[in-house]
Protein backbone atom coordinates (compact mmCIF):
# COMPACT_ATOMS: atom_id res chain seq x y z
CA MET A 1 103.09 155.59 106.05
CA ILE A 2 103.10 152.92 108.74
CA THR A 3 102.57 149.49 107.18
CA LYS A 4 103.74 147.07 109.91
CA PHE A 5 102.39 146.64 113.42
CA GLY A 6 103.75 144.71 116.37
CA SER A 7 103.51 144.43 120.11
CA LEU A 8 105.62 143.39 123.10
CA PHE A 9 104.42 141.11 125.87
CA ALA A 10 106.74 140.88 128.87
CA GLY A 11 105.15 137.62 129.97
CA HIS A 12 104.02 138.75 133.39
CA VAL A 13 101.75 136.71 135.62
CA ASP A 14 98.54 138.45 136.69
CA LEU A 15 99.21 139.54 140.26
CA ASP A 16 96.56 140.31 142.87
CA ASP A 17 98.80 142.13 145.34
CA GLU A 18 100.86 144.59 143.35
CA GLY A 19 101.26 148.27 143.99
CA LEU A 20 102.29 150.32 146.98
CA ASP A 21 100.50 148.12 149.51
CA GLY A 22 101.33 144.84 147.77
CA THR A 23 104.06 142.29 148.38
CA PRO A 24 107.45 143.77 147.49
CA ALA A 25 108.90 142.19 144.34
CA ASN A 26 111.96 140.86 146.15
CA ASP A 27 109.72 139.06 148.66
CA ARG A 28 107.71 137.22 145.99
CA TRP A 29 108.47 133.63 145.10
CA LEU A 30 105.90 132.11 142.76
CA SER A 31 105.64 128.38 142.11
CA ASP A 32 106.28 126.86 138.70
CA GLU A 33 102.56 126.18 138.40
CA ARG A 34 101.73 129.84 139.06
CA LEU A 35 104.36 131.03 136.61
CA ALA A 36 103.09 128.60 133.95
CA GLU A 37 99.71 130.39 133.95
CA VAL A 38 101.24 132.84 131.50
CA PHE A 39 101.48 130.25 128.68
CA PRO A 40 97.79 130.12 127.70
CA LYS A 41 97.57 133.90 128.07
CA SER A 42 100.52 134.51 125.73
CA GLU A 43 99.24 131.96 123.21
CA ALA A 44 95.83 133.66 123.15
CA ILE A 45 97.46 137.05 122.60
CA ALA A 46 99.62 135.67 119.77
CA LYS A 47 96.64 134.04 118.05
CA LEU A 48 94.55 137.21 118.32
CA MET A 49 97.38 139.29 116.91
CA ASP A 50 97.79 136.85 114.02
CA ARG A 51 94.07 136.93 113.22
CA THR A 52 93.98 140.73 113.31
CA GLY A 53 96.97 141.30 111.04
CA TYR A 54 99.85 142.14 113.38
CA ASP A 55 103.29 141.49 111.93
CA THR A 56 105.41 140.95 115.03
CA PHE A 57 104.90 139.59 118.55
CA TRP A 58 107.91 140.27 120.73
CA LEU A 59 108.46 138.30 123.94
CA ALA A 60 110.79 139.46 126.69
CA GLU A 61 113.30 137.05 128.20
CA HIS A 62 114.41 137.48 131.80
CA HIS A 63 116.49 134.97 133.69
CA PHE A 64 116.09 133.84 137.30
CA GLN A 65 113.16 136.06 138.18
CA ARG A 66 110.63 134.25 140.32
CA GLU A 67 108.54 137.22 141.41
CA GLY A 68 106.16 136.89 138.46
CA TYR A 69 106.85 140.00 136.45
CA GLU A 70 108.39 138.15 133.52
CA TRP A 71 108.83 134.55 132.49
CA LYS A 72 111.87 133.04 130.78
CA TRP A 73 110.58 132.63 127.25
CA SER A 74 113.46 130.76 125.63
CA THR A 75 112.19 127.48 127.09
CA SER A 76 108.60 128.12 126.06
CA ALA A 77 108.84 129.80 122.66
CA SER A 78 107.92 126.58 120.89
CA ARG A 79 104.48 126.76 122.53
CA SER A 80 103.69 130.04 120.80
CA ALA A 81 101.01 130.12 118.17
CA ARG A 82 102.20 129.41 114.65
CA PRO A 83 101.46 132.32 112.30
CA LYS A 84 98.98 131.66 109.53
CA ARG A 85 100.61 134.12 107.14
C-alpha cells in the first residue's frame, strides 16, 4: 500500500511564448527579476503540499540556465516553506 506522497517542481518560470512558434530556448535570456518570479510560486506549492499531507517536495537544481525552464535552487532553498509536521 502506498503511504507516502511527493512531487517534483522543476522551478520553471511561466512562459508566454513557448512551443513550436515560441522563442527557441537557446535564444532566451531572462532577467534576474523575471527568474525570481518563481520564488512565490514555489513557496505557495510547498505550503499547499504541506497542508494537504504530502511527504516530500523535490526541487530541481540546474546551473547556468537563463532561459527560464529551471532556476538554481541551492541559493533559494532557505526561502522554502517550513513543514508543519
